[in-house]
Amino acid sequence: PMLMARLGVEEFKELAAAVGAAGDLPMVFVPGLTPERPPESVELKEVIDYREVERRLEELSPPGDVDVVYLGCPHASSTQVERLAAELSKRTPRPGRPTLLITMSRHEEARLSAEARRTLRQYGALLVRDTCLVVSPVRGGLKVVTDSYKAYFYLSRKGLKVGLETLEEIVRRLAA
C-alpha cells in the first residue's frame, strides 16, 4: 500500500516497526521517504475513520497503575529522548511513579546533552544500550506502558499487561 501522509523520519520508523511486527503488509510506500519507486497505480484506497482509531486506542489503554514506562522500540533516537527530557524538565517527578526504561543505541546515547541526562537522572530513568525489552527474559506479571505498538505487540505475547500511551500521556504519568 501507499500511505499518503506527511511523516517525518521518526514517525516513519515507528510506523514501519509496527507494521512489521503486527501487520500483514510486506511493505508500505511513503512518498519522499521510501527509497524505491512506488507502484504506478494504487488498486485499493482505504480511508480509516478516526473513530475507529479512537476505539482501538481505548482497547489498548494501560492497565491502571503500571510498573514500567518503556520507550525505545525500535531504539529511541537522541532527538526523541531530548524531547522527552525537555518536557519532563518543566515538571516535578511524581512520587511513586513507575520506572522509566529507555532503550537506545550507544551512538544515540552519546549524543544526549548533559541537561537531558540530568533530567533523566532526576526521574530515575534507566538507559539501556543496544538491546530491547522485547527480547529480554522478562515474563508475565509486569504492567508496562509504552508509546510503541511494536513493543505492545510483542510484550503482550510474553504475558505482560501492556498499554499504549502518547508521549504527552507518559509525561503526565511520570511528572506532576
N, C-alpha and C. Protein backbone atom coordinates (compact mmCIF):
# COMPACT_ATOMS: atom_id res chain seq x y z
N PRO A 1 0.81 -1.20 0.00
CA PRO A 1 0.00 0.00 0.00
C PRO A 1 0.86 1.26 0.00
N MET A 2 0.25 2.34 -0.39
CA MET A 2 0.92 3.63 -0.39
C MET A 2 0.24 4.51 0.64
N LEU A 3 0.99 5.04 1.56
CA LEU A 3 0.46 5.91 2.59
C LEU A 3 0.68 7.34 2.15
N MET A 4 -0.40 8.03 1.94
CA MET A 4 -0.32 9.43 1.51
C MET A 4 -0.44 10.32 2.74
N ALA A 5 0.61 10.42 3.49
CA ALA A 5 0.62 11.25 4.69
C ALA A 5 1.99 11.89 4.82
N ARG A 6 2.03 13.00 5.48
CA ARG A 6 3.31 13.67 5.71
C ARG A 6 3.91 13.13 7.01
N LEU A 7 4.88 12.27 6.87
CA LEU A 7 5.54 11.68 8.02
C LEU A 7 6.99 12.11 8.05
N GLY A 8 7.49 12.35 9.25
CA GLY A 8 8.90 12.59 9.42
C GLY A 8 9.61 11.25 9.56
N VAL A 9 10.91 11.28 9.61
CA VAL A 9 11.69 10.04 9.72
C VAL A 9 11.34 9.28 11.00
N GLU A 10 11.18 10.00 12.13
CA GLU A 10 10.85 9.33 13.40
C GLU A 10 9.50 8.63 13.32
N GLU A 11 8.49 9.31 12.76
CA GLU A 11 7.16 8.71 12.64
C GLU A 11 7.19 7.51 11.70
N PHE A 12 7.95 7.64 10.61
CA PHE A 12 8.06 6.55 9.65
C PHE A 12 8.72 5.33 10.30
N LYS A 13 9.75 5.56 11.11
CA LYS A 13 10.44 4.47 11.81
C LYS A 13 9.45 3.71 12.70
N GLU A 14 8.63 4.45 13.44
CA GLU A 14 7.66 3.81 14.33
C GLU A 14 6.58 3.07 13.54
N LEU A 15 6.11 3.68 12.44
CA LEU A 15 5.11 3.03 11.60
C LEU A 15 5.66 1.73 11.02
N ALA A 16 6.86 1.78 10.48
CA ALA A 16 7.45 0.59 9.87
C ALA A 16 7.65 -0.52 10.91
N ALA A 17 8.04 -0.16 12.13
CA ALA A 17 8.21 -1.17 13.18
C ALA A 17 6.88 -1.80 13.54
N ALA A 18 5.83 -1.00 13.65
CA ALA A 18 4.50 -1.52 13.99
C ALA A 18 3.96 -2.41 12.88
N VAL A 19 4.08 -1.97 11.64
CA VAL A 19 3.60 -2.76 10.51
C VAL A 19 4.37 -4.07 10.41
N GLY A 20 5.67 -4.00 10.61
CA GLY A 20 6.49 -5.21 10.53
C GLY A 20 6.19 -6.20 11.65
N ALA A 21 5.87 -5.69 12.83
CA ALA A 21 5.62 -6.56 13.98
C ALA A 21 4.22 -7.15 13.97
N ALA A 22 3.23 -6.33 13.71
CA ALA A 22 1.85 -6.76 13.92
C ALA A 22 1.00 -6.78 12.66
N GLY A 23 1.53 -6.29 11.58
CA GLY A 23 0.73 -6.21 10.36
C GLY A 23 0.97 -7.37 9.42
N ASP A 24 0.19 -7.40 8.38
CA ASP A 24 0.38 -8.44 7.36
C ASP A 24 0.76 -7.81 6.02
N LEU A 25 1.35 -6.62 6.09
CA LEU A 25 1.76 -5.93 4.88
C LEU A 25 3.24 -6.19 4.61
N PRO A 26 3.60 -6.56 3.40
CA PRO A 26 5.01 -6.79 3.11
C PRO A 26 5.82 -5.50 3.07
N MET A 27 5.18 -4.39 2.71
CA MET A 27 5.87 -3.11 2.70
C MET A 27 4.85 -1.99 2.57
N VAL A 28 5.29 -0.80 2.92
CA VAL A 28 4.45 0.39 2.81
C VAL A 28 5.28 1.44 2.09
N PHE A 29 4.71 2.05 1.06
CA PHE A 29 5.37 3.14 0.36
C PHE A 29 4.92 4.46 0.96
N VAL A 30 5.87 5.31 1.29
CA VAL A 30 5.56 6.66 1.76
C VAL A 30 6.35 7.61 0.87
N PRO A 31 5.64 8.34 -0.01
CA PRO A 31 6.34 9.25 -0.92
C PRO A 31 7.28 10.18 -0.17
N GLY A 32 8.50 10.29 -0.66
CA GLY A 32 9.50 11.15 -0.05
C GLY A 32 10.36 10.45 1.00
N LEU A 33 9.93 9.27 1.48
CA LEU A 33 10.70 8.55 2.49
C LEU A 33 11.13 7.17 2.02
N THR A 34 10.26 6.49 1.28
CA THR A 34 10.59 5.15 0.80
C THR A 34 11.51 5.30 -0.41
N PRO A 35 12.69 4.66 -0.39
CA PRO A 35 13.64 4.85 -1.48
C PRO A 35 13.20 4.24 -2.82
N GLU A 36 12.44 3.15 -2.80
CA GLU A 36 12.02 2.54 -4.05
C GLU A 36 10.88 3.32 -4.67
N ARG A 37 10.77 3.19 -5.96
CA ARG A 37 9.67 3.84 -6.67
C ARG A 37 8.38 3.10 -6.35
N PRO A 38 7.32 3.84 -6.00
CA PRO A 38 6.04 3.19 -5.70
C PRO A 38 5.39 2.64 -6.96
N PRO A 39 4.39 1.77 -6.80
CA PRO A 39 3.68 1.25 -7.97
C PRO A 39 3.04 2.39 -8.76
N GLU A 40 2.84 2.15 -10.04
CA GLU A 40 2.24 3.17 -10.90
C GLU A 40 0.82 3.51 -10.49
N SER A 41 0.10 2.51 -10.00
CA SER A 41 -1.28 2.78 -9.60
C SER A 41 -1.56 2.11 -8.26
N VAL A 42 -2.54 2.64 -7.59
CA VAL A 42 -2.98 2.08 -6.33
C VAL A 42 -4.31 1.42 -6.59
N GLU A 43 -4.39 0.11 -6.32
CA GLU A 43 -5.60 -0.64 -6.64
C GLU A 43 -6.72 -0.44 -5.64
N LEU A 44 -6.38 -0.21 -4.39
CA LEU A 44 -7.39 -0.10 -3.35
C LEU A 44 -7.09 1.12 -2.51
N LYS A 45 -8.10 1.92 -2.31
CA LYS A 45 -7.94 3.07 -1.44
C LYS A 45 -8.82 2.84 -0.22
N GLU A 46 -8.21 2.86 0.94
CA GLU A 46 -8.95 2.65 2.17
C GLU A 46 -8.81 3.88 3.05
N VAL A 47 -9.93 4.38 3.48
CA VAL A 47 -9.95 5.54 4.36
C VAL A 47 -10.33 5.04 5.75
N ILE A 48 -9.55 5.41 6.73
CA ILE A 48 -9.82 4.98 8.10
C ILE A 48 -10.49 6.13 8.84
N ASP A 49 -11.62 5.84 9.41
CA ASP A 49 -12.36 6.81 10.21
C ASP A 49 -11.64 6.98 11.54
N TYR A 50 -11.45 8.21 11.97
CA TYR A 50 -10.73 8.46 13.21
C TYR A 50 -11.43 7.81 14.40
N ARG A 51 -12.75 7.64 14.34
CA ARG A 51 -13.46 6.98 15.44
C ARG A 51 -12.99 5.54 15.59
N GLU A 52 -12.64 4.87 14.48
CA GLU A 52 -12.09 3.51 14.56
C GLU A 52 -10.76 3.53 15.31
N VAL A 53 -9.95 4.52 15.02
CA VAL A 53 -8.66 4.65 15.69
C VAL A 53 -8.87 4.90 17.18
N GLU A 54 -9.80 5.78 17.52
CA GLU A 54 -10.09 6.06 18.93
C GLU A 54 -10.57 4.81 19.66
N ARG A 55 -11.44 4.02 19.02
CA ARG A 55 -11.92 2.78 19.64
C ARG A 55 -10.77 1.82 19.91
N ARG A 56 -9.88 1.69 18.92
CA ARG A 56 -8.73 0.78 19.09
C ARG A 56 -7.80 1.28 20.18
N LEU A 57 -7.58 2.58 20.23
CA LEU A 57 -6.72 3.13 21.28
C LEU A 57 -7.31 2.88 22.66
N GLU A 58 -8.62 2.94 22.78
CA GLU A 58 -9.28 2.64 24.05
C GLU A 58 -9.01 1.19 24.45
N GLU A 59 -9.07 0.28 23.47
CA GLU A 59 -8.78 -1.14 23.73
C GLU A 59 -7.34 -1.33 24.20
N LEU A 60 -6.45 -0.47 23.71
CA LEU A 60 -5.03 -0.59 24.02
C LEU A 60 -4.62 0.23 25.24
N SER A 61 -5.58 0.80 25.94
CA SER A 61 -5.25 1.67 27.07
C SER A 61 -4.56 0.88 28.18
N PRO A 62 -3.74 1.56 28.96
CA PRO A 62 -2.95 0.90 30.01
C PRO A 62 -3.81 0.30 31.12
N PRO A 63 -3.24 -0.69 31.81
CA PRO A 63 -3.95 -1.37 32.90
C PRO A 63 -3.85 -0.63 34.23
N GLY A 64 -4.31 0.62 34.31
CA GLY A 64 -4.24 1.39 35.56
C GLY A 64 -2.82 1.72 35.93
N ASP A 65 -2.46 1.49 37.18
CA ASP A 65 -1.09 1.74 37.62
C ASP A 65 -0.16 0.75 36.92
N VAL A 66 1.00 1.24 36.53
CA VAL A 66 1.96 0.38 35.83
C VAL A 66 3.28 0.35 36.57
N ASP A 67 4.07 -0.67 36.30
CA ASP A 67 5.39 -0.83 36.92
C ASP A 67 6.49 -0.13 36.12
N VAL A 68 6.36 -0.16 34.79
CA VAL A 68 7.42 0.33 33.91
C VAL A 68 6.82 1.17 32.78
N VAL A 69 7.47 2.30 32.51
CA VAL A 69 7.22 3.06 31.29
C VAL A 69 8.38 2.72 30.38
N TYR A 70 8.08 2.16 29.21
CA TYR A 70 9.12 1.67 28.31
C TYR A 70 9.10 2.45 27.00
N LEU A 71 10.22 3.08 26.69
CA LEU A 71 10.38 3.83 25.45
C LEU A 71 11.60 3.30 24.71
N GLY A 72 11.53 3.27 23.41
CA GLY A 72 12.69 2.86 22.63
C GLY A 72 12.52 1.55 21.90
N CYS A 73 11.39 1.34 21.29
CA CYS A 73 11.17 0.13 20.49
C CYS A 73 10.44 0.54 19.21
N PRO A 74 11.15 0.70 18.12
CA PRO A 74 12.59 0.49 17.93
C PRO A 74 13.40 1.50 18.76
N HIS A 75 14.71 1.27 18.84
CA HIS A 75 15.56 2.09 19.70
C HIS A 75 15.24 3.57 19.57
N ALA A 76 15.20 4.25 20.70
CA ALA A 76 14.92 5.68 20.72
C ALA A 76 16.09 6.44 20.12
N SER A 77 15.77 7.50 19.42
CA SER A 77 16.81 8.38 18.90
C SER A 77 17.13 9.43 19.97
N SER A 78 18.27 10.06 19.83
CA SER A 78 18.61 11.13 20.78
C SER A 78 17.59 12.26 20.68
N THR A 79 17.06 12.50 19.50
CA THR A 79 16.04 13.54 19.32
C THR A 79 14.80 13.22 20.15
N GLN A 80 14.35 11.97 20.11
CA GLN A 80 13.17 11.58 20.88
C GLN A 80 13.42 11.73 22.38
N VAL A 81 14.58 11.29 22.84
CA VAL A 81 14.89 11.34 24.27
C VAL A 81 15.09 12.79 24.73
N GLU A 82 15.70 13.61 23.90
CA GLU A 82 15.85 15.04 24.23
C GLU A 82 14.48 15.69 24.37
N ARG A 83 13.55 15.33 23.47
CA ARG A 83 12.19 15.88 23.52
C ARG A 83 11.50 15.47 24.83
N LEU A 84 11.64 14.19 25.20
CA LEU A 84 11.07 13.71 26.46
C LEU A 84 11.68 14.46 27.64
N ALA A 85 13.00 14.56 27.67
CA ALA A 85 13.69 15.23 28.78
C ALA A 85 13.27 16.70 28.87
N ALA A 86 13.09 17.36 27.74
CA ALA A 86 12.67 18.76 27.75
C ALA A 86 11.29 18.90 28.39
N GLU A 87 10.38 18.00 28.06
CA GLU A 87 9.04 18.04 28.66
C GLU A 87 9.09 17.72 30.15
N LEU A 88 9.88 16.73 30.53
CA LEU A 88 9.98 16.36 31.94
C LEU A 88 10.63 17.47 32.77
N SER A 89 11.58 18.20 32.17
CA SER A 89 12.29 19.25 32.91
C SER A 89 11.38 20.40 33.33
N LYS A 90 10.23 20.52 32.69
CA LYS A 90 9.27 21.58 33.02
C LYS A 90 8.40 21.21 34.22
N ARG A 91 8.56 19.99 34.70
CA ARG A 91 7.68 19.49 35.75
C ARG A 91 8.48 18.91 36.91
N THR A 92 7.76 18.38 37.88
CA THR A 92 8.36 17.75 39.06
C THR A 92 8.10 16.25 39.01
N PRO A 93 9.12 15.43 39.31
CA PRO A 93 8.88 13.98 39.33
C PRO A 93 7.73 13.61 40.27
N ARG A 94 6.83 12.78 39.79
CA ARG A 94 5.67 12.35 40.58
C ARG A 94 6.13 11.27 41.57
N PRO A 95 5.79 11.42 42.86
CA PRO A 95 6.13 10.37 43.83
C PRO A 95 5.44 9.06 43.44
N GLY A 96 6.13 7.95 43.63
CA GLY A 96 5.55 6.65 43.32
C GLY A 96 5.40 6.37 41.83
N ARG A 97 6.09 7.17 41.02
CA ARG A 97 6.00 6.98 39.56
C ARG A 97 6.61 5.64 39.16
N PRO A 98 6.19 5.10 38.01
CA PRO A 98 6.79 3.85 37.54
C PRO A 98 8.23 4.07 37.08
N THR A 99 8.96 2.98 36.96
CA THR A 99 10.33 3.03 36.45
C THR A 99 10.29 3.44 34.98
N LEU A 100 11.16 4.36 34.60
CA LEU A 100 11.29 4.79 33.21
C LEU A 100 12.47 4.05 32.59
N LEU A 101 12.19 3.22 31.60
CA LEU A 101 13.20 2.41 30.92
C LEU A 101 13.26 2.85 29.46
N ILE A 102 14.44 3.26 29.01
CA ILE A 102 14.63 3.74 27.64
C ILE A 102 15.73 2.91 27.00
N THR A 103 15.44 2.32 25.85
CA THR A 103 16.48 1.60 25.11
C THR A 103 16.89 2.44 23.91
N MET A 104 18.20 2.51 23.72
CA MET A 104 18.74 3.27 22.59
C MET A 104 20.13 2.73 22.26
N SER A 105 20.62 3.09 21.09
CA SER A 105 21.95 2.64 20.70
C SER A 105 23.01 3.47 21.43
N ARG A 106 24.20 2.92 21.54
CA ARG A 106 25.31 3.65 22.17
C ARG A 106 25.57 4.96 21.44
N HIS A 107 25.48 4.90 20.12
CA HIS A 107 25.73 6.09 19.30
C HIS A 107 24.73 7.20 19.64
N GLU A 108 23.46 6.86 19.73
CA GLU A 108 22.42 7.85 20.04
C GLU A 108 22.55 8.34 21.48
N GLU A 109 22.87 7.44 22.40
CA GLU A 109 23.04 7.85 23.79
C GLU A 109 24.18 8.86 23.93
N ALA A 110 25.25 8.66 23.19
CA ALA A 110 26.40 9.56 23.25
C ALA A 110 26.04 10.97 22.81
N ARG A 111 24.98 11.11 22.03
CA ARG A 111 24.56 12.42 21.52
C ARG A 111 23.67 13.18 22.50
N LEU A 112 23.27 12.56 23.61
CA LEU A 112 22.40 13.24 24.58
C LEU A 112 23.13 14.38 25.27
N SER A 113 22.44 15.48 25.46
CA SER A 113 23.02 16.63 26.14
C SER A 113 23.14 16.35 27.64
N ALA A 114 24.03 17.09 28.28
CA ALA A 114 24.19 16.98 29.74
C ALA A 114 22.89 17.34 30.44
N GLU A 115 22.18 18.31 29.92
CA GLU A 115 20.91 18.73 30.52
C GLU A 115 19.87 17.60 30.47
N ALA A 116 19.79 16.93 29.32
CA ALA A 116 18.84 15.81 29.20
C ALA A 116 19.22 14.69 30.17
N ARG A 117 20.50 14.40 30.26
CA ARG A 117 20.97 13.35 31.18
C ARG A 117 20.62 13.69 32.63
N ARG A 118 20.80 14.96 32.99
CA ARG A 118 20.50 15.41 34.34
C ARG A 118 19.00 15.23 34.64
N THR A 119 18.17 15.62 33.70
CA THR A 119 16.72 15.47 33.89
C THR A 119 16.34 14.01 34.02
N LEU A 120 16.88 13.17 33.16
CA LEU A 120 16.56 11.74 33.21
C LEU A 120 17.00 11.13 34.54
N ARG A 121 18.15 11.56 35.07
CA ARG A 121 18.60 11.08 36.38
C ARG A 121 17.61 11.48 37.48
N GLN A 122 17.08 12.70 37.39
CA GLN A 122 16.10 13.16 38.39
C GLN A 122 14.87 12.26 38.41
N TYR A 123 14.55 11.69 37.26
CA TYR A 123 13.39 10.80 37.15
C TYR A 123 13.76 9.33 37.35
N GLY A 124 15.04 9.07 37.65
CA GLY A 124 15.47 7.69 37.87
C GLY A 124 15.43 6.83 36.62
N ALA A 125 15.54 7.46 35.46
CA ALA A 125 15.46 6.72 34.20
C ALA A 125 16.62 5.75 34.05
N LEU A 126 16.32 4.60 33.49
CA LEU A 126 17.35 3.61 33.16
C LEU A 126 17.55 3.65 31.65
N LEU A 127 18.77 3.97 31.22
CA LEU A 127 19.10 3.96 29.80
C LEU A 127 19.80 2.64 29.52
N VAL A 128 19.20 1.84 28.67
CA VAL A 128 19.74 0.52 28.35
C VAL A 128 20.19 0.56 26.90
N ARG A 129 21.44 0.18 26.68
CA ARG A 129 22.03 0.30 25.34
C ARG A 129 21.95 -0.99 24.54
N ASP A 130 21.65 -0.82 23.26
CA ASP A 130 21.80 -1.87 22.25
C ASP A 130 21.08 -3.17 22.56
N THR A 131 19.95 -3.09 23.19
CA THR A 131 19.11 -4.27 23.40
C THR A 131 17.66 -3.80 23.44
N CYS A 132 16.76 -4.69 23.80
CA CYS A 132 15.34 -4.35 23.76
C CYS A 132 14.60 -5.19 24.79
N LEU A 133 13.64 -4.59 25.46
CA LEU A 133 12.83 -5.32 26.43
C LEU A 133 12.10 -6.48 25.78
N VAL A 134 11.79 -6.34 24.51
CA VAL A 134 11.08 -7.38 23.76
C VAL A 134 11.85 -8.69 23.76
N VAL A 135 13.18 -8.63 23.71
CA VAL A 135 13.99 -9.86 23.66
C VAL A 135 14.56 -10.23 25.03
N SER A 136 14.13 -9.55 26.07
CA SER A 136 14.61 -9.86 27.41
C SER A 136 13.87 -11.08 27.97
N PRO A 137 14.39 -11.66 29.04
CA PRO A 137 13.72 -12.84 29.62
C PRO A 137 12.52 -12.50 30.50
N VAL A 138 12.13 -11.23 30.57
CA VAL A 138 11.00 -10.83 31.42
C VAL A 138 9.73 -11.56 30.97
N ARG A 139 8.95 -11.99 31.95
CA ARG A 139 7.71 -12.72 31.67
C ARG A 139 6.56 -12.09 32.43
N GLY A 140 5.39 -12.68 32.35
CA GLY A 140 4.14 -12.17 32.90
C GLY A 140 4.20 -11.54 34.27
N GLY A 141 3.15 -10.80 34.58
CA GLY A 141 3.02 -10.16 35.87
C GLY A 141 3.38 -8.69 35.87
N LEU A 142 4.28 -8.29 35.00
CA LEU A 142 4.71 -6.91 34.92
C LEU A 142 3.68 -6.09 34.14
N LYS A 143 3.38 -4.88 34.63
CA LYS A 143 2.47 -3.98 33.93
C LYS A 143 3.29 -2.86 33.30
N VAL A 144 3.16 -2.72 31.99
CA VAL A 144 4.01 -1.81 31.21
C VAL A 144 3.14 -0.86 30.40
N VAL A 145 3.60 0.37 30.27
CA VAL A 145 3.01 1.30 29.32
C VAL A 145 4.12 1.72 28.37
N THR A 146 3.79 1.88 27.09
CA THR A 146 4.76 2.22 26.07
C THR A 146 4.09 3.12 25.04
N ASP A 147 4.92 3.75 24.21
CA ASP A 147 4.38 4.54 23.10
C ASP A 147 4.57 3.79 21.78
N SER A 148 4.97 2.53 21.85
CA SER A 148 5.31 1.75 20.66
C SER A 148 4.35 0.57 20.46
N TYR A 149 3.71 0.54 19.29
CA TYR A 149 2.83 -0.59 19.01
C TYR A 149 3.65 -1.88 18.86
N LYS A 150 4.86 -1.76 18.34
CA LYS A 150 5.73 -2.94 18.23
C LYS A 150 5.98 -3.54 19.61
N ALA A 151 6.33 -2.70 20.59
CA ALA A 151 6.55 -3.18 21.95
C ALA A 151 5.26 -3.76 22.53
N TYR A 152 4.14 -3.08 22.30
CA TYR A 152 2.85 -3.57 22.78
C TYR A 152 2.59 -4.98 22.25
N PHE A 153 2.78 -5.15 20.96
CA PHE A 153 2.51 -6.42 20.29
C PHE A 153 3.33 -7.55 20.90
N TYR A 154 4.63 -7.38 20.98
CA TYR A 154 5.50 -8.46 21.46
C TYR A 154 5.42 -8.68 22.97
N LEU A 155 5.38 -7.61 23.75
CA LEU A 155 5.34 -7.78 25.21
C LEU A 155 4.03 -8.40 25.67
N SER A 156 2.93 -8.05 25.03
CA SER A 156 1.65 -8.66 25.43
C SER A 156 1.66 -10.16 25.13
N ARG A 157 2.41 -10.59 24.14
CA ARG A 157 2.51 -12.01 23.82
C ARG A 157 3.43 -12.76 24.79
N LYS A 158 4.18 -12.02 25.59
CA LYS A 158 5.02 -12.63 26.63
C LYS A 158 4.26 -12.72 27.95
N GLY A 159 3.00 -12.33 27.95
CA GLY A 159 2.18 -12.41 29.15
C GLY A 159 2.17 -11.16 30.01
N LEU A 160 2.79 -10.09 29.54
CA LEU A 160 2.78 -8.85 30.29
C LEU A 160 1.49 -8.10 30.02
N LYS A 161 1.05 -7.32 31.00
CA LYS A 161 -0.10 -6.43 30.80
C LYS A 161 0.48 -5.14 30.23
N VAL A 162 0.10 -4.79 29.01
CA VAL A 162 0.71 -3.68 28.31
C VAL A 162 -0.36 -2.72 27.82
N GLY A 163 -0.06 -1.45 27.87
CA GLY A 163 -0.94 -0.43 27.32
C GLY A 163 -0.15 0.58 26.52
N LEU A 164 -0.85 1.26 25.63
CA LEU A 164 -0.23 2.30 24.80
C LEU A 164 -0.64 3.67 25.30
N GLU A 165 0.30 4.59 25.30
CA GLU A 165 0.02 5.99 25.61
C GLU A 165 0.86 6.87 24.70
N THR A 166 0.40 8.09 24.49
CA THR A 166 1.18 9.07 23.76
C THR A 166 2.31 9.57 24.66
N LEU A 167 3.27 10.23 24.07
CA LEU A 167 4.36 10.80 24.86
C LEU A 167 3.82 11.80 25.88
N GLU A 168 2.82 12.57 25.50
CA GLU A 168 2.22 13.54 26.42
C GLU A 168 1.59 12.83 27.62
N GLU A 169 0.90 11.73 27.38
CA GLU A 169 0.30 10.98 28.48
C GLU A 169 1.37 10.36 29.38
N ILE A 170 2.45 9.91 28.77
CA ILE A 170 3.56 9.34 29.54
C ILE A 170 4.19 10.40 30.44
N VAL A 171 4.37 11.60 29.90
CA VAL A 171 4.93 12.69 30.71
C VAL A 171 4.03 12.96 31.91
N ARG A 172 2.72 13.00 31.70
CA ARG A 172 1.79 13.23 32.82
C ARG A 172 1.84 12.09 33.84
N ARG A 173 2.09 10.88 33.37
CA ARG A 173 2.19 9.73 34.28
C ARG A 173 3.44 9.83 35.16
N LEU A 174 4.51 10.38 34.62
CA LEU A 174 5.79 10.45 35.34
C LEU A 174 5.96 11.72 36.17
N ALA A 175 5.25 12.78 35.79
CA ALA A 175 5.51 14.09 36.39
C ALA A 175 4.24 14.78 36.84
N ALA A 176 4.41 15.64 37.85
CA ALA A 176 3.27 16.42 38.35
C ALA A 176 3.35 17.83 37.79
